[in-house]
Protein backbone atom coordinates (compact mmCIF):
# COMPACT_ATOMS: atom_id res chain seq x y z
CA MET A 1 -24.57 -30.29 8.02
CA THR A 2 -23.69 -28.11 5.07
CA ARG A 3 -22.64 -24.57 5.94
CA ALA A 4 -24.39 -21.77 4.16
CA PRO A 5 -22.11 -19.96 1.76
CA GLU A 6 -20.69 -16.71 3.05
CA PRO A 7 -22.06 -13.58 1.37
CA PRO A 8 -19.74 -12.20 -1.31
CA HIS A 9 -17.36 -9.53 -0.09
CA PRO A 10 -18.45 -6.15 -1.45
CA ALA A 11 -16.24 -4.48 -4.00
CA PRO A 12 -14.01 -1.72 -2.64
CA PRO A 13 -15.68 1.69 -2.87
CA LEU A 14 -13.47 3.05 -5.66
CA ALA A 15 -13.49 -0.09 -7.80
CA GLY A 16 -13.92 0.85 -11.46
CA LEU A 17 -12.17 4.21 -11.02
CA ARG A 18 -9.07 4.55 -13.22
CA VAL A 19 -6.38 7.03 -12.19
CA LEU A 20 -3.24 7.99 -14.11
CA ASP A 21 -0.52 9.10 -11.72
CA LEU A 22 1.94 11.31 -13.61
CA ALA A 23 3.25 13.02 -10.48
CA THR A 24 6.47 12.76 -8.44
CA LEU A 25 7.68 13.81 -5.00
CA PHE A 26 5.32 13.54 -2.97
CA ALA A 27 1.89 15.12 -2.67
CA GLY A 28 0.49 13.99 -6.02
CA PRO A 29 1.72 10.38 -5.81
CA LEU A 30 0.51 10.03 -2.22
CA ALA A 31 -2.94 11.27 -3.23
CA ALA A 32 -3.02 8.53 -5.87
CA THR A 33 -1.91 5.99 -3.25
CA LEU A 34 -4.85 6.94 -1.04
CA LEU A 35 -7.21 6.30 -3.97
CA ALA A 36 -5.53 2.95 -4.73
CA ASP A 37 -5.99 1.86 -1.12
CA PHE A 38 -9.75 1.95 -1.63
CA GLY A 39 -9.89 0.14 -4.91
CA ALA A 40 -9.04 2.62 -7.66
CA GLU A 41 -6.96 1.23 -10.50
CA VAL A 42 -3.92 3.48 -10.42
CA ILE A 43 -1.44 3.44 -13.29
CA LYS A 44 1.84 5.10 -12.41
CA VAL A 45 3.42 6.71 -15.49
CA GLU A 46 7.17 7.27 -15.19
CA HIS A 47 9.82 8.45 -17.61
CA PRO A 48 11.59 5.55 -19.38
CA THR A 49 15.04 6.52 -18.07
CA ARG A 50 14.24 8.82 -15.12
CA PRO A 51 12.06 6.95 -12.62
CA ASP A 52 10.12 8.66 -9.84
CA PRO A 53 12.84 10.12 -7.57
CA SER A 54 11.14 8.61 -4.52
CA ARG A 55 12.61 5.28 -5.62
CA GLY A 56 15.99 6.68 -4.59
CA HIS A 57 14.97 8.73 -1.56
CA GLY A 58 15.88 7.63 1.94
CA PRO A 59 17.25 4.28 3.11
CA ALA A 60 17.33 1.31 0.72
CA LYS A 61 17.66 -2.43 1.20
CA ASP A 62 19.56 -4.48 -1.40
CA GLY A 63 19.51 -1.37 -3.60
CA ILE A 64 15.71 -1.15 -3.48
CA GLY A 65 14.25 2.09 -2.14
CA LEU A 66 11.87 1.49 0.75
CA TRP A 67 9.97 4.80 0.45
CA TRP A 68 8.76 3.70 -2.98
CA LYS A 69 7.37 0.47 -1.53
CA LEU A 70 4.93 2.63 0.46
CA LEU A 71 4.30 5.39 -2.09
CA GLY A 72 3.91 3.00 -5.02
CA ARG A 73 1.65 0.48 -3.34
CA GLY A 74 -1.43 -0.60 -5.26
CA LYS A 75 -0.15 0.96 -8.50
CA ARG A 76 0.69 -0.58 -11.86
CA THR A 77 3.87 0.95 -13.26
CA ILE A 78 4.43 1.89 -16.89
CA THR A 79 6.87 4.15 -18.71
CA LEU A 80 6.14 6.85 -21.25
CA ASP A 81 8.13 9.86 -22.36
CA LEU A 82 5.35 12.44 -22.48
CA SER A 83 7.55 14.90 -24.37
CA HIS A 84 7.93 12.38 -27.19
CA PRO A 85 5.21 12.51 -29.90
CA ASP A 86 4.53 8.79 -29.58
CA GLY A 87 4.44 9.04 -25.79
CA ARG A 88 1.99 11.92 -26.05
CA THR A 89 -0.28 9.96 -28.39
CA THR A 90 -0.23 6.95 -26.08
CA LEU A 91 -0.99 9.10 -23.04
CA LEU A 92 -4.02 10.58 -24.81
CA ARG A 93 -5.24 7.05 -25.57
CA LEU A 94 -4.86 6.20 -21.88
CA ALA A 95 -6.59 9.43 -20.87
CA ALA A 96 -9.60 8.42 -22.94
CA THR A 97 -10.01 5.39 -20.64
CA ALA A 98 -9.32 7.19 -17.36
CA ASP A 99 -11.39 9.04 -14.79
CA VAL A 100 -8.59 11.03 -13.17
CA ILE A 101 -5.11 12.28 -14.02
CA ILE A 102 -2.88 13.56 -11.22
CA GLU A 103 0.15 15.61 -12.29
CA ASN A 104 2.61 17.99 -10.66
CA PHE A 105 4.68 19.41 -13.49
CA ARG A 106 5.41 23.12 -13.39
CA PRO A 107 2.58 25.14 -14.95
CA GLY A 108 2.93 25.19 -18.70
CA THR A 109 4.81 21.90 -19.00
CA LEU A 110 1.87 19.77 -20.13
CA GLU A 111 0.85 22.59 -22.47
CA ARG A 112 4.33 22.59 -23.99
CA TRP A 113 3.84 18.91 -24.81
CA ASP A 114 0.35 19.57 -26.26
CA LEU A 115 -1.15 17.71 -23.31
CA GLY A 116 -2.95 20.64 -21.68
CA TRP A 117 -6.55 20.68 -20.58
CA PRO A 118 -7.96 21.37 -24.07
CA GLU A 119 -6.26 18.28 -25.48
CA LEU A 120 -7.01 16.04 -22.49
CA SER A 121 -10.66 17.07 -22.20
CA ALA A 122 -11.10 16.60 -25.94
CA ALA A 123 -9.84 13.03 -25.52
CA ASN A 124 -12.16 12.49 -22.54
CA PRO A 125 -14.78 15.13 -21.61
CA ARG A 126 -15.44 13.34 -18.28
CA LEU A 127 -11.80 13.47 -17.18
CA ILE A 128 -10.75 15.06 -13.86
CA LEU A 129 -7.28 16.66 -14.12
CA ALA A 130 -5.74 17.27 -10.70
CA ARG A 131 -2.83 19.68 -10.94
CA VAL A 132 -0.75 19.65 -7.75
CA THR A 133 2.00 22.27 -7.70
CA GLY A 134 3.90 24.25 -5.12
CA PHE A 135 2.19 27.57 -5.85
CA GLY A 136 -0.80 26.88 -8.07
CA GLN A 137 -1.35 27.49 -11.77
CA TYR A 138 -1.08 31.29 -11.74
CA GLY A 139 0.40 34.14 -9.73
CA PRO A 140 3.93 35.54 -9.45
CA TYR A 141 5.42 32.32 -7.99
CA ALA A 142 3.59 29.84 -10.23
CA ARG A 143 6.57 28.85 -12.37
CA ARG A 144 9.04 28.55 -9.52
CA PRO A 145 10.21 25.10 -8.41
CA GLY A 146 7.90 24.20 -5.54
CA PHE A 147 8.40 21.72 -2.72
CA GLY A 148 6.73 21.07 0.62
CA THR A 149 9.64 22.68 2.46
CA LEU A 150 8.87 26.00 0.78
CA ALA A 151 5.21 25.67 1.79
CA GLU A 152 6.25 25.04 5.40
CA ALA A 153 8.29 28.24 5.22
CA LEU A 154 5.81 30.47 3.37
CA SER A 155 2.73 29.41 5.33
CA GLY A 156 4.07 30.44 8.73
CA PHE A 157 4.53 26.90 10.01
CA ALA A 158 8.30 27.27 10.41
CA ALA A 159 7.93 30.73 11.96
CA TYR A 160 5.65 29.35 14.68
CA THR A 161 7.67 26.17 15.31
CA GLY A 162 10.69 25.94 17.60
CA GLU A 163 11.87 27.33 20.90
CA PRO A 164 11.25 31.03 21.65
CA ASP A 165 14.97 31.85 21.52
CA GLY A 166 15.75 29.46 18.66
CA PRO A 167 15.51 29.61 14.88
CA PRO A 168 12.39 28.86 12.84
CA THR A 169 12.11 25.08 12.57
CA LEU A 170 11.18 22.92 9.60
CA PRO A 171 9.66 19.45 10.10
CA PRO A 172 12.00 16.50 9.42
CA PHE A 173 9.45 14.87 7.12
CA GLY A 174 7.08 15.81 4.29
CA LEU A 175 4.40 17.55 6.35
CA ALA A 176 3.08 20.01 3.74
CA ASP A 177 3.18 17.33 1.04
CA SER A 178 1.20 14.90 3.19
CA ILE A 179 -1.45 17.48 4.04
CA ALA A 180 -1.66 18.42 0.34
CA ALA A 181 -2.07 14.74 -0.59
CA LEU A 182 -5.05 14.43 1.73
CA ALA A 183 -6.51 17.60 0.27
CA THR A 184 -5.92 16.40 -3.29
CA SER A 185 -7.69 13.09 -2.73
CA TYR A 186 -10.62 15.00 -1.21
CA ALA A 187 -10.63 17.43 -4.16
CA VAL A 188 -10.64 14.56 -6.64
CA MET A 189 -13.58 12.88 -4.93
CA THR A 190 -15.43 16.21 -4.82
CA ALA A 191 -14.87 16.73 -8.55
CA LEU A 192 -16.03 13.18 -9.27
CA ARG A 193 -19.20 13.78 -7.27
CA ALA A 194 -19.83 16.96 -9.26
CA ARG A 195 -19.36 14.98 -12.46
CA ASP A 196 -22.35 12.85 -11.47
CA THR A 197 -24.47 15.97 -11.93
CA THR A 198 -22.69 17.85 -14.72
CA HIS A 199 -21.52 14.79 -16.67
CA ARG A 200 -18.33 16.68 -17.42
CA GLY A 201 -14.86 16.68 -15.96
CA GLN A 202 -12.93 19.67 -14.66
CA VAL A 203 -9.52 20.84 -13.48
CA VAL A 204 -8.45 20.71 -9.84
CA ASP A 205 -5.84 23.40 -9.10
CA LEU A 206 -4.20 22.59 -5.76
CA ALA A 207 -1.27 24.62 -4.45
CA ILE A 208 0.78 22.90 -1.74
CA ILE A 209 1.15 26.25 0.07
CA GLU A 210 -2.59 26.35 0.83
CA PRO A 211 -3.71 23.21 2.74
CA ILE A 212 -1.00 23.64 5.37
CA LEU A 213 -2.15 27.23 5.87
CA LEU A 214 -5.62 25.93 6.70
CA ALA A 215 -4.12 23.37 9.09
CA LEU A 216 -2.44 26.19 11.02
CA GLY A 217 -5.81 27.45 12.21
CA PRO A 218 -7.09 31.00 12.68
CA GLN A 219 -3.76 32.82 12.24
CA SER A 220 -5.16 35.21 9.64
CA LEU A 221 -8.21 35.99 11.77
CA TRP A 222 -6.09 36.73 14.80
CA TYR A 223 -3.91 39.13 12.84
CA ASP A 224 -6.81 40.67 10.90
CA GLN A 225 -8.88 41.40 13.99
CA LEU A 226 -6.27 41.80 16.73
CA GLY A 227 -2.93 42.41 15.05
CA TYR A 228 -1.72 39.28 16.85
CA VAL A 229 1.14 37.23 15.39
CA GLN A 230 1.69 33.87 17.07
CA PRO A 231 5.26 33.59 18.39
CA ARG A 232 7.39 30.49 18.75
CA THR A 233 6.60 28.86 22.08
CA GLY A 234 8.35 25.49 21.86
CA ASN A 235 6.08 22.77 23.24
CA ARG A 236 3.93 25.27 25.06
CA SER A 237 0.70 26.76 23.76
CA ARG A 238 -0.66 30.30 23.94
CA ASN A 239 -4.18 28.83 23.97
CA ASN A 240 -4.08 26.57 27.02
CA ALA A 241 -1.87 25.18 29.77
CA PRO A 242 -0.43 22.92 31.01
CA ARG A 243 0.65 21.65 27.60
CA ASN A 244 4.21 20.43 27.35
CA THR A 245 6.52 17.46 27.48
CA TYR A 246 7.70 16.33 30.90
CA ARG A 247 10.46 13.93 31.96
CA THR A 248 9.70 11.00 34.21
CA ALA A 249 11.80 9.56 37.04
CA ASP A 250 13.10 6.79 34.76
CA GLY A 251 14.14 9.16 31.97
CA SER A 252 11.15 8.84 29.64
CA TRP A 253 9.14 11.76 28.28
CA LEU A 254 5.39 12.27 28.45
CA ALA A 255 3.16 14.74 26.62
CA VAL A 256 0.25 16.29 28.49
CA SER A 257 -2.64 18.18 26.90
CA THR A 258 -5.38 20.13 28.67
CA SER A 259 -7.34 21.67 25.82
CA ALA A 260 -10.59 20.90 27.66
CA GLN A 261 -11.30 22.68 30.95
CA SER A 262 -12.42 19.48 32.66
CA ILE A 263 -9.13 17.78 31.75
CA ALA A 264 -7.11 20.70 33.15
CA GLU A 265 -8.99 20.41 36.43
CA ARG A 266 -8.40 16.65 36.62
CA VAL A 267 -4.67 17.12 36.04
CA MET A 268 -4.40 19.66 38.85
CA ARG A 269 -6.20 17.35 41.25
CA LEU A 270 -3.96 14.47 40.20
CA VAL A 271 -0.71 16.37 40.79
CA GLY A 272 -1.87 17.63 44.18
CA ARG A 273 -2.58 21.26 43.31
CA PRO A 274 -6.42 21.48 43.48
CA GLU A 275 -6.27 25.01 44.92
CA LEU A 276 -5.19 26.33 41.51
CA ILE A 277 -8.55 25.34 40.05
CA THR A 278 -10.28 28.05 42.12
CA GLU A 279 -8.10 30.83 40.75
CA PRO A 280 -10.12 33.13 38.45
CA TRP A 281 -7.54 32.83 35.66
CA PHE A 282 -7.84 29.03 35.63
CA ALA A 283 -11.33 29.18 34.12
CA THR A 284 -10.11 29.70 30.53
CA GLY A 285 -7.39 28.22 28.36
CA THR A 286 -5.99 31.67 27.67
CA GLY A 287 -5.92 32.47 31.37
CA ARG A 288 -4.08 29.25 32.14
CA ALA A 289 -1.60 29.96 29.34
CA GLU A 290 -0.70 33.22 31.10
CA HIS A 291 0.41 31.14 34.10
CA THR A 292 2.30 28.47 32.20
CA ASP A 293 5.41 28.54 34.41
CA LEU A 294 3.37 27.82 37.52
CA LEU A 295 1.36 25.03 35.90
CA ASP A 296 4.39 23.47 34.22
CA GLU A 297 6.19 23.34 37.54
CA ALA A 298 3.23 21.68 39.21
CA VAL A 299 2.85 19.01 36.54
CA GLY A 300 6.55 18.60 35.79
CA SER A 301 7.61 18.12 39.41
CA TRP A 302 4.89 15.50 39.95
CA ILE A 303 5.80 13.54 36.82
CA ALA A 304 9.49 13.74 37.71
CA ARG A 305 8.75 11.76 40.90
CA HIS A 306 7.09 8.92 39.01
CA THR A 307 8.18 6.37 36.44
CA ARG A 308 6.69 6.38 32.97
CA ASP A 309 4.31 3.51 33.71
CA GLU A 310 3.29 4.92 37.09
CA ALA A 311 2.48 8.33 35.64
CA ILE A 312 0.51 6.94 32.69
CA ALA A 313 -1.49 4.66 34.98
CA ALA A 314 -2.31 7.56 37.32
CA PHE A 315 -3.36 9.81 34.42
CA GLU A 316 -5.57 7.06 33.02
CA GLN A 317 -7.16 6.50 36.43
CA ALA A 318 -7.86 10.23 36.67
CA GLU A 319 -9.19 10.30 33.06
CA ALA A 320 -6.62 12.94 32.17
CA ALA A 321 -4.88 13.18 28.78
CA VAL A 322 -1.33 11.87 28.51
CA ALA A 323 0.80 9.99 25.99
CA PRO A 324 4.41 8.82 25.97
CA ILE A 325 6.82 10.35 23.47
CA GLN A 326 7.46 7.44 21.11
CA ASP A 327 9.73 6.75 18.20
CA ILE A 328 8.98 4.21 15.49
CA ARG A 329 10.32 1.34 17.62
CA ASP A 330 7.67 2.10 20.21
CA VAL A 331 4.96 2.62 17.59
CA LEU A 332 5.51 -0.87 16.22
CA THR A 333 4.78 -2.40 19.64
CA ASP A 334 2.18 0.08 20.88
CA PRO A 335 -0.96 -1.86 21.90
CA GLN A 336 -3.39 0.71 20.50
CA TYR A 337 -1.74 0.80 17.09
CA THR A 338 -1.60 -3.00 17.22
CA ALA A 339 -5.32 -3.22 17.97
CA LEU A 340 -6.12 -0.97 15.03
CA ASP A 341 -3.65 -2.78 12.73
CA THR A 342 -2.28 0.67 11.91
CA ILE A 343 1.05 -0.86 10.93
CA THR A 344 0.27 -3.92 8.85
CA THR A 345 2.41 -6.52 7.13
CA VAL A 346 2.33 -6.72 3.33
CA PRO A 347 4.17 -9.36 1.25
CA ASP A 348 6.68 -8.05 -1.25
CA PRO A 349 8.17 -10.23 -4.00
CA GLU A 350 11.55 -8.49 -3.78
CA LEU A 351 12.05 -8.00 -0.06
CA GLY A 352 9.63 -10.37 1.65
CA PRO A 353 7.18 -9.24 4.37
CA LEU A 354 7.15 -5.46 4.85
CA ARG A 355 5.59 -3.55 7.74
CA MET A 356 4.03 -0.28 6.64
CA GLN A 357 1.14 2.06 7.44
CA ASN A 358 -2.25 0.53 6.71
CA VAL A 359 -5.07 2.26 4.82
CA LEU A 360 -5.97 5.60 6.34
CA PHE A 361 -9.39 4.80 7.81
CA ARG A 362 -11.77 1.91 8.36
CA LEU A 363 -15.09 1.54 6.51
CA SER A 364 -17.53 -0.93 8.04
CA GLU A 365 -19.04 -2.19 4.77
CA THR A 366 -16.52 -1.49 2.00
CA PRO A 367 -13.06 -1.47 3.57
CA GLY A 368 -9.90 -0.56 1.76
CA ALA A 369 -6.83 -2.76 1.47
CA ILE A 370 -3.23 -2.64 0.29
CA ALA A 371 -3.24 -4.60 -2.96
CA TRP A 372 0.56 -4.82 -3.31
CA THR A 373 3.70 -2.89 -2.53
CA GLY A 374 5.46 -0.55 -4.96
CA ARG A 375 6.40 -2.43 -8.11
CA PRO A 376 9.60 -2.19 -10.15
CA HIS A 377 10.06 0.53 -12.72
CA ASN A 378 8.34 -0.36 -16.02
CA ALA A 379 6.84 -3.56 -14.56
CA ASP A 380 3.43 -3.26 -16.21
CA THR A 381 4.03 -1.30 -19.42
CA GLU A 382 3.48 -4.24 -21.75
CA ALA A 383 0.34 -5.45 -19.93
CA VAL A 384 -1.30 -2.02 -19.66
CA LEU A 385 -0.58 -0.98 -23.25
CA THR A 386 -1.68 -4.35 -24.59
CA GLU A 387 -4.97 -3.91 -22.74
CA LEU A 388 -5.20 -0.52 -24.44
CA GLY A 389 -5.11 -2.26 -27.80
CA LEU A 390 -1.48 -1.87 -28.81
CA THR A 391 0.02 -4.79 -30.72
CA PRO A 392 3.44 -6.33 -30.15
CA ALA A 393 4.62 -4.40 -33.19
CA ASP A 394 3.29 -1.18 -31.68
CA LEU A 395 5.15 -1.86 -28.44
CA THR A 396 8.35 -2.60 -30.31
CA ALA A 397 8.02 0.66 -32.23
CA LEU A 398 7.47 2.62 -29.00
CA ARG A 399 10.55 1.07 -27.43
CA GLU A 400 12.70 1.67 -30.50
CA SER A 401 11.60 5.31 -30.64
CA GLY A 402 12.43 5.84 -26.97
CA ALA A 403 8.83 6.68 -26.06
CA THR A 404 8.81 3.81 -23.57
CA ALA A 405 11.29 1.42 -22.02
């Protein structure tokens, strides 16, 4: 019996979208990665002699930066010196074929190279130009060097993070950059949707200091209406309790959250303190937060008498919220992450199989996929520019002039 042919797999949702990634470190490039994961053709444009610094950030294997393998995945890599007249001309030719450009130069840099919005939109009126900078395109800080660390400081994140008697604390990873990357990819898709109606492109002005401020919640409302400034509380919360990390009998750590009233009640029953549920203050998260010491002692002493596995099993049986404190070794073997294929294996021609984060979400009909890992510097210049219509002689001239490598 002949099997019926399987239906063709649908094209990824962003197939046909061309993105030029001119950005470095880290929000802009990560936004382009998110678009590549769902089918956009992303062309990474790097300087001929100064590659994206992420290639040299963090640990390397055999001299090959591993961060780049994640950040550069799904991207074709070319080199152009945008400050060189021939590099500028070639970039404008590429822009005429593109839907989106993502850049993070300091305000005024593209304009200095005659690659500002007037020139780019003249080359392609449907182009979306996403400008991702530390402080935005105008204002007193606009021309300062801007990094995610500064956004974590300016936004209040560092002021709210850490122990009450300790210093403000910065995250040990690119938190503000990652949040800004998510916001940039959303902004790009919003601008593309608007283009369907207006038939014209536009500029996205995204300041890294802003998305993290939104992620911090209603801080401005609290201060505006109540004069309240959130203090550092360590792992505790001023909005609910118990909420902390607690050590088990076998030396592991567990995190407990009781944001929902029903969960708080289940936890108290589980740890043998049901009488606390009847206290008037227990009825609200704020009320419970005012009795954090009492609630922490109740939960902490119970967890301290049980092993990690015993405590997790009891919390699950009680339908209360708990999770172990894990490092990356635990994440790689965690059964839930395994079920979701959150960390997936991708072949790499230089290093072999690599385990990295999978695409950010699952679509039932048009799923994303990691096309390939980050490619070597200048790997696709000849192919991309030949597709653009440049001849071998043109390529030779660009190389000899220093406009490309």
